Amino acid sequence: MILGRTERGTPPVEPVTLKILVAGGFGVGKTTLVGAVSEIKPLRTEEVLTEAGRPVDDTTGVEGKHTTTVAMDFGRITLREDLVLYLFGTPGQDRFWFLWDELASGALGAVVLADTRRLEDCFAAVDYFERRSIPFVIGVNCFDTAAHYPAETVRQALDLDPDVPVVLCDARRRESVKDVLVAVVRHAMAYTAEHRHSVTT
């Protein structure tokens, strides 16, 4: 092999790397989603919930959850030879939201995970990305114990713009998560192209 070239004589591909955020309420499945799809062992910053945090950590609906992300989750997935996604899972509790601005810097787009049993928990994330003009998709994590609703019903409940994709998913399944990430990339590219066109016209 010649230095800097593959065995077939073609130049090596330098992949494009894109940053995607995974946001949503406490216990919605952000850490699970990153872990399900990451091709490397995910970096996690989880800590055990304590009695001291009980007054500020609302575990209603997720009583079985005993840990929480206190900084971020990090994972990586190669969608194509020339396209690699870096995934950053944001902390879900209010007291860690000061980290969001740092995590959002340079992000192409975001996934806002939603749980139909606690849909209001994702309002803050939706508002955050709308105010900062960061393109996002809604990933409805279809928990086994939750009622399942059509994507359009969720869209209406969240009062989303018509162009925001809503994708039903299972955060435990790699292929399901990949579908959500592909939707984010496509939506972000379309959003960026439309924004550039509106600026130049």
C-alpha atoms as a PDB file:
ATOM      1  CA  MET A   1       0.000   0.000   0.000  1.00  0.00           C
ATOM      2  CA  ILE A   2       1.284   3.440  -0.962  1.00  0.00           C
ATOM      3  CA  LEU A   3       1.253   5.930   1.906  1.00  0.00           C
ATOM      4  CA  GLY A   4      -1.991   7.917   1.921  1.00  0.00           C
ATOM      5  CA  ARG A   5      -3.755   5.649  -0.564  1.00  0.00           C
ATOM      6  CA  THR A   6      -5.884   2.535  -0.229  1.00  0.00           C
ATOM      7  CA  GLU A   7      -4.872  -0.820  -1.695  1.00  0.00           C
ATOM      8  CA  ARG A   8      -7.024  -0.147  -4.776  1.00  0.00           C
ATOM      9  CA  GLY A   9      -5.122   3.047  -5.498  1.00  0.00           C
ATOM     10  CA  THR A  10      -7.920   5.466  -4.573  1.00  0.00           C
ATOM     11  CA  PRO A  11      -7.350   8.270  -2.076  1.00  0.00           C
ATOM     12  CA  PRO A  12      -8.674   7.538   1.424  1.00  0.00           C
ATOM     13  CA  VAL A  13     -12.004   9.123   2.227  1.00  0.00           C
ATOM     14  CA  GLU A  14     -11.904  11.905   4.812  1.00  0.00           C
ATOM     15  CA  PRO A  15     -15.302  11.639   6.519  1.00  0.00           C
ATOM     16  CA  VAL A  16     -17.492  14.630   7.265  1.00  0.00           C
ATOM     17  CA  THR A  17     -18.266  14.738  10.987  1.00  0.00           C
ATOM     18  CA  LEU A  18     -21.554  16.167  12.210  1.00  0.00           C
ATOM     19  CA  LYS A  19     -22.688  16.949  15.743  1.00  0.00           C
ATOM     20  CA  ILE A  20     -26.184  15.912  16.791  1.00  0.00           C
ATOM     21  CA  LEU A  21     -27.771  16.633  20.174  1.00  0.00           C
ATOM     22  CA  VAL A  22     -30.171  14.250  21.896  1.00  0.00           C
ATOM     23  CA  ALA A  23     -32.442  16.169  24.272  1.00  0.00           C
ATOM     24  CA  GLY A  24     -35.685  15.700  26.172  1.00  0.00           C
ATOM     25  CA  GLY A  25     -37.085  15.287  29.644  1.00  0.00           C
ATOM     26  CA  PHE A  26     -35.756  13.293  32.571  1.00  0.00           C
ATOM     27  CA  GLY A  27     -35.963   9.534  32.027  1.00  0.00           C
ATOM     28  CA  VAL A  28     -37.160   9.741  28.413  1.00  0.00           C
ATOM     29  CA  GLY A  29     -34.444   7.441  27.044  1.00  0.00           C
ATOM     30  CA  LYS A  30     -31.607   9.715  25.873  1.00  0.00           C
ATOM     31  CA  THR A  31     -28.819   7.586  27.379  1.00  0.00           C
ATOM     32  CA  THR A  32     -30.488   4.435  26.032  1.00  0.00           C
ATOM     33  CA  LEU A  33     -30.710   5.924  22.521  1.00  0.00           C
ATOM     34  CA  VAL A  34     -27.039   6.920  22.422  1.00  0.00           C
ATOM     35  CA  GLY A  35     -25.985   3.527  23.756  1.00  0.00           C
ATOM     36  CA  ALA A  36     -28.163   1.618  21.293  1.00  0.00           C
ATOM     37  CA  VAL A  37     -26.593   3.143  18.211  1.00  0.00           C
ATOM     38  CA  SER A  38     -23.027   4.122  19.178  1.00  0.00           C
ATOM     39  CA  GLU A  39     -20.288   2.076  17.531  1.00  0.00           C
ATOM     40  CA  ILE A  40     -17.937   2.903  20.396  1.00  0.00           C
ATOM     41  CA  LYS A  41     -18.523   2.370  24.090  1.00  0.00           C
ATOM     42  CA  PRO A  42     -20.515   5.487  25.000  1.00  0.00           C
ATOM     43  CA  LEU A  43     -19.058   8.007  27.388  1.00  0.00           C
ATOM     44  CA  ARG A  44     -21.595   8.430  30.167  1.00  0.00           C
ATOM     45  CA  THR A  45     -21.750  10.820  33.093  1.00  0.00           C
ATOM     46  CA  GLU A  46     -24.483   9.180  35.130  1.00  0.00           C
ATOM     47  CA  GLU A  47     -24.798   9.497  38.886  1.00  0.00           C
ATOM     48  CA  VAL A  48     -27.097   7.737  41.326  1.00  0.00           C
ATOM     49  CA  LEU A  49     -30.153   9.699  42.382  1.00  0.00           C
ATOM     50  CA  THR A  50     -29.935  10.705  46.034  1.00  0.00           C
ATOM     51  CA  GLU A  51     -32.320  11.736  48.774  1.00  0.00           C
ATOM     52  CA  ALA A  52     -30.861  15.249  48.575  1.00  0.00           C
ATOM     53  CA  GLY A  53     -32.063  15.544  44.983  1.00  0.00           C
ATOM     54  CA  ARG A  54     -35.543  14.184  45.636  1.00  0.00           C
ATOM     55  CA  PRO A  55     -37.172  17.641  46.063  1.00  0.00           C
ATOM     56  CA  VAL A  56     -35.942  18.760  42.606  1.00  0.00           C
ATOM     57  CA  ASP A  57     -35.928  15.470  40.650  1.00  0.00           C
ATOM     58  CA  ASP A  58     -39.445  14.650  39.501  1.00  0.00           C
ATOM     59  CA  THR A  59     -39.502  10.874  39.040  1.00  0.00           C
ATOM     60  CA  THR A  60     -43.248  10.679  38.424  1.00  0.00           C
ATOM     61  CA  GLY A  61     -43.769   8.074  35.727  1.00  0.00           C
ATOM     62  CA  VAL A  62     -40.166   6.860  35.934  1.00  0.00           C
ATOM     63  CA  GLU A  63     -40.111   5.588  39.501  1.00  0.00           C
ATOM     64  CA  GLY A  64     -37.768   2.759  38.525  1.00  0.00           C
ATOM     65  CA  LYS A  65     -35.036   5.143  37.372  1.00  0.00           C
ATOM     66  CA  HIS A  66     -32.135   5.321  39.834  1.00  0.00           C
ATOM     67  CA  THR A  67     -29.487   7.265  37.873  1.00  0.00           C
ATOM     68  CA  THR A  68     -29.349  10.543  35.977  1.00  0.00           C
ATOM     69  CA  THR A  69     -27.042  12.169  33.420  1.00  0.00           C
ATOM     70  CA  VAL A  70     -25.241  15.093  35.047  1.00  0.00           C
ATOM     71  CA  ALA A  71     -23.149  16.358  32.110  1.00  0.00           C
ATOM     72  CA  MET A  72     -23.630  14.478  28.838  1.00  0.00           C
ATOM     73  CA  ASP A  73     -23.628  11.173  27.023  1.00  0.00           C
ATOM     74  CA  PHE A  74     -21.320  10.834  24.029  1.00  0.00           C
ATOM     75  CA  GLY A  75     -21.384   8.320  21.208  1.00  0.00           C
ATOM     76  CA  ARG A  76     -20.394   7.970  17.562  1.00  0.00           C
ATOM     77  CA  ILE A  77     -22.009   6.320  14.552  1.00  0.00           C
ATOM     78  CA  THR A  78     -20.806   6.021  10.964  1.00  0.00           C
ATOM     79  CA  LEU A  79     -23.793   6.384   8.638  1.00  0.00           C
ATOM     80  CA  ARG A  80     -21.667   6.119   5.492  1.00  0.00           C
ATOM     81  CA  GLU A  81     -17.953   5.877   4.733  1.00  0.00           C
ATOM     82  CA  ASP A  82     -17.894   9.643   4.335  1.00  0.00           C
ATOM     83  CA  LEU A  83     -20.375  10.626   7.068  1.00  0.00           C
ATOM     84  CA  VAL A  84     -19.861  10.248  10.822  1.00  0.00           C
ATOM     85  CA  LEU A  85     -22.237  11.526  13.505  1.00  0.00           C
ATOM     86  CA  TYR A  86     -21.117  12.529  16.980  1.00  0.00           C
ATOM     87  CA  LEU A  87     -24.006  12.204  19.418  1.00  0.00           C
ATOM     88  CA  PHE A  88     -24.243  14.338  22.551  1.00  0.00           C
ATOM     89  CA  GLY A  89     -26.987  13.449  25.004  1.00  0.00           C
ATOM     90  CA  THR A  90     -28.005  16.417  27.146  1.00  0.00           C
ATOM     91  CA  PRO A  91     -28.961  16.223  30.833  1.00  0.00           C
ATOM     92  CA  GLY A  92     -32.721  16.255  31.330  1.00  0.00           C
ATOM     93  CA  GLN A  93     -33.119  18.080  34.630  1.00  0.00           C
ATOM     94  CA  ASP A  94     -33.569  21.825  34.959  1.00  0.00           C
ATOM     95  CA  ARG A  95     -30.573  22.319  37.217  1.00  0.00           C
ATOM     96  CA  PHE A  96     -28.163  21.056  34.497  1.00  0.00           C
ATOM     97  CA  TRP A  97     -29.518  23.185  31.658  1.00  0.00           C
ATOM     98  CA  PHE A  98     -26.619  25.622  31.943  1.00  0.00           C
ATOM     99  CA  LEU A  99     -24.627  22.962  30.040  1.00  0.00           C
ATOM    100  CA  TRP A 100     -26.919  23.068  27.017  1.00  0.00           C
ATOM    101  CA  ASP A 101     -25.409  26.182  25.413  1.00  0.00           C
ATOM    102  CA  GLU A 102     -21.958  24.595  25.436  1.00  0.00           C
ATOM    103  CA  LEU A 103     -23.241  21.313  24.049  1.00  0.00           C
ATOM    104  CA  ALA A 104     -25.327  23.062  21.370  1.00  0.00           C
ATOM    105  CA  SER A 105     -22.360  24.997  19.975  1.00  0.00           C
ATOM    106  CA  GLY A 106     -21.688  23.787  16.421  1.00  0.00           C
ATOM    107  CA  ALA A 107     -24.563  21.306  16.367  1.00  0.00           C
ATOM    108  CA  LEU A 108     -26.085  20.489  12.987  1.00  0.00           C
ATOM    109  CA  GLY A 109     -29.379  19.531  14.566  1.00  0.00           C
ATOM    110  CA  ALA A 110     -31.091  17.747  17.422  1.00  0.00           C
ATOM    111  CA  VAL A 111     -33.386  14.921  18.395  1.00  0.00           C
ATOM    112  CA  VAL A 112     -35.984  15.814  21.003  1.00  0.00           C
ATOM    113  CA  LEU A 113     -37.110  12.546  22.592  1.00  0.00           C
ATOM    114  CA  ALA A 114     -40.694  12.502  23.789  1.00  0.00           C
ATOM    115  CA  ASP A 115     -42.647  10.177  26.062  1.00  0.00           C
ATOM    116  CA  THR A 116     -46.410  10.364  25.415  1.00  0.00           C
ATOM    117  CA  ARG A 117     -47.070   9.700  29.121  1.00  0.00           C
ATOM    118  CA  ARG A 118     -45.210  12.912  30.015  1.00  0.00           C
ATOM    119  CA  LEU A 119     -45.320  14.913  26.805  1.00  0.00           C
ATOM    120  CA  GLU A 120     -44.980  18.231  28.623  1.00  0.00           C
ATOM    121  CA  ASP A 121     -41.431  17.249  29.661  1.00  0.00           C
ATOM    122  CA  CYS A 122     -40.142  17.929  26.149  1.00  0.00           C
ATOM    123  CA  PHE A 123     -41.654  21.440  25.846  1.00  0.00           C
ATOM    124  CA  ALA A 124     -38.508  23.099  27.201  1.00  0.00           C
ATOM    125  CA  ALA A 125     -36.252  21.342  24.666  1.00  0.00           C
ATOM    126  CA  VAL A 126     -38.564  22.213  21.767  1.00  0.00           C
ATOM    127  CA  ASP A 127     -38.603  25.854  22.889  1.00  0.00           C
ATOM    128  CA  TYR A 128     -34.805  25.881  23.298  1.00  0.00           C
ATOM    129  CA  PHE A 129     -34.112  24.730  19.734  1.00  0.00           C
ATOM    130  CA  GLU A 130     -36.826  26.886  18.198  1.00  0.00           C
ATOM    131  CA  ARG A 131     -35.448  30.031  19.858  1.00  0.00           C
ATOM    132  CA  ARG A 132     -31.920  29.259  18.664  1.00  0.00           C
ATOM    133  CA  SER A 133     -32.973  28.234  15.141  1.00  0.00           C
ATOM    134  CA  ILE A 134     -31.423  24.782  15.525  1.00  0.00           C
ATOM    135  CA  PRO A 135     -33.297  22.266  13.327  1.00  0.00           C
ATOM    136  CA  PHE A 136     -34.727  19.336  15.266  1.00  0.00           C
ATOM    137  CA  VAL A 137     -36.945  16.305  14.930  1.00  0.00           C
ATOM    138  CA  ILE A 138     -39.250  14.790  17.520  1.00  0.00           C
ATOM    139  CA  GLY A 139     -38.464  11.165  18.305  1.00  0.00           C
ATOM    140  CA  VAL A 140     -41.451   9.610  20.085  1.00  0.00           C
ATOM    141  CA  ASN A 141     -39.972   6.859  22.233  1.00  0.00           C
ATOM    142  CA  CYS A 142     -42.677   4.175  22.150  1.00  0.00           C
ATOM    143  CA  PHE A 143     -42.444   2.668  25.615  1.00  0.00           C
ATOM    144  CA  ASP A 144     -44.121  -0.710  26.063  1.00  0.00           C
ATOM    145  CA  THR A 145     -46.354   0.658  28.828  1.00  0.00           C
ATOM    146  CA  ALA A 146     -47.333   3.875  27.024  1.00  0.00           C
ATOM    147  CA  ALA A 147     -50.310   4.496  24.770  1.00  0.00           C
ATOM    148  CA  HIS A 148     -49.251   4.799  21.135  1.00  0.00           C
ATOM    149  CA  TYR A 149     -50.457   7.741  19.073  1.00  0.00           C
ATOM    150  CA  PRO A 150     -50.030   8.654  15.392  1.00  0.00           C
ATOM    151  CA  ALA A 151     -47.227  11.097  14.600  1.00  0.00           C
ATOM    152  CA  GLU A 152     -49.716  13.760  13.523  1.00  0.00           C
ATOM    153  CA  THR A 153     -51.487  13.586  16.897  1.00  0.00           C
ATOM    154  CA  VAL A 154     -48.177  14.211  18.668  1.00  0.00           C
ATOM    155  CA  ARG A 155     -47.423  17.087  16.281  1.00  0.00           C
ATOM    156  CA  GLN A 156     -50.703  18.776  17.151  1.00  0.00           C
ATOM    157  CA  ALA A 157     -50.197  18.238  20.889  1.00  0.00           C
ATOM    158  CA  LEU A 158     -46.776  19.905  20.706  1.00  0.00           C
ATOM    159  CA  ASP A 159     -48.000  22.664  18.345  1.00  0.00           C
ATOM    160  CA  LEU A 160     -45.095  22.034  15.959  1.00  0.00           C
ATOM    161  CA  ASP A 161     -44.455  23.722  12.636  1.00  0.00           C
ATOM    162  CA  PRO A 162     -45.544  21.517   9.699  1.00  0.00           C
ATOM    163  CA  ASP A 163     -41.961  20.980   8.517  1.00  0.00           C
ATOM    164  CA  VAL A 164     -40.700  19.508  11.821  1.00  0.00           C
ATOM    165  CA  PRO A 165     -40.467  15.712  11.385  1.00  0.00           C
ATOM    166  CA  VAL A 166     -42.094  13.476  13.997  1.00  0.00           C
ATOM    167  CA  VAL A 167     -40.671   9.939  14.045  1.00  0.00           C
ATOM    168  CA  LEU A 168     -41.982   7.041  16.132  1.00  0.00           C
ATOM    169  CA  CYS A 169     -39.085   4.995  17.488  1.00  0.00           C
ATOM    170  CA  ASP A 170     -37.795   2.502  20.013  1.00  0.00           C
ATOM    171  CA  ALA A 171     -34.704   3.974  21.685  1.00  0.00           C
ATOM    172  CA  ARG A 172     -33.481   0.442  22.505  1.00  0.00           C
ATOM    173  CA  ARG A 173     -33.241  -0.660  18.866  1.00  0.00           C
ATOM    174  CA  ARG A 174     -30.279   0.343  16.720  1.00  0.00           C
ATOM    175  CA  GLU A 175     -32.140   0.338  13.395  1.00  0.00           C
ATOM    176  CA  SER A 176     -34.991   2.395  14.836  1.00  0.00           C
ATOM    177  CA  VAL A 177     -32.547   4.967  16.208  1.00  0.00           C
ATOM    178  CA  LYS A 178     -30.711   5.126  12.876  1.00  0.00           C
ATOM    179  CA  ASP A 179     -33.993   6.060  11.187  1.00  0.00           C
ATOM    180  CA  VAL A 180     -34.348   8.978  13.609  1.00  0.00           C
ATOM    181  CA  LEU A 181     -30.780  10.152  12.989  1.00  0.00           C
ATOM    182  CA  VAL A 182     -31.210   9.971   9.212  1.00  0.00           C
ATOM    183  CA  ALA A 183     -34.351  12.104   9.615  1.00  0.00           C
ATOM    184  CA  VAL A 184     -32.353  14.680  11.618  1.00  0.00           C
ATOM    185  CA  VAL A 185     -29.598  14.928   8.995  1.00  0.00           C
ATOM    186  CA  ARG A 186     -32.079  15.254   6.124  1.00  0.00           C
ATOM    187  CA  HIS A 187     -34.150  17.848   7.949  1.00  0.00           C
ATOM    188  CA  ALA A 188     -31.076  19.852   8.981  1.00  0.00           C
ATOM    189  CA  MET A 189     -29.721  19.866   5.422  1.00  0.00           C
ATOM    190  CA  ALA A 190     -33.070  21.016   4.023  1.00  0.00           C
ATOM    191  CA  TYR A 191     -33.375  23.639   6.763  1.00  0.00           C
ATOM    192  CA  THR A 192     -29.871  24.969   6.062  1.00  0.00           C
ATOM    193  CA  ALA A 193     -30.441  25.098   2.308  1.00  0.00           C
ATOM    194  CA  GLU A 194     -33.735  26.946   2.763  1.00  0.00           C
ATOM    195  CA  HIS A 195     -32.159  29.412   5.206  1.00  0.00           C
ATOM    196  CA  ARG A 196     -29.295  30.156   2.805  1.00  0.00           C
ATOM    197  CA  HIS A 197     -31.758  30.713  -0.032  1.00  0.00           C
ATOM    198  CA  SER A 198     -33.829  33.141   2.044  1.00  0.00           C
ATOM    199  CA  VAL A 199     -30.676  35.089   2.978  1.00  0.00           C
ATOM    200  CA  THR A 200     -29.486  35.447  -0.604  1.00  0.00           C
ATOM    201  CA  THR A 201     -32.865  36.441  -2.085  1.00  0.00           C
END
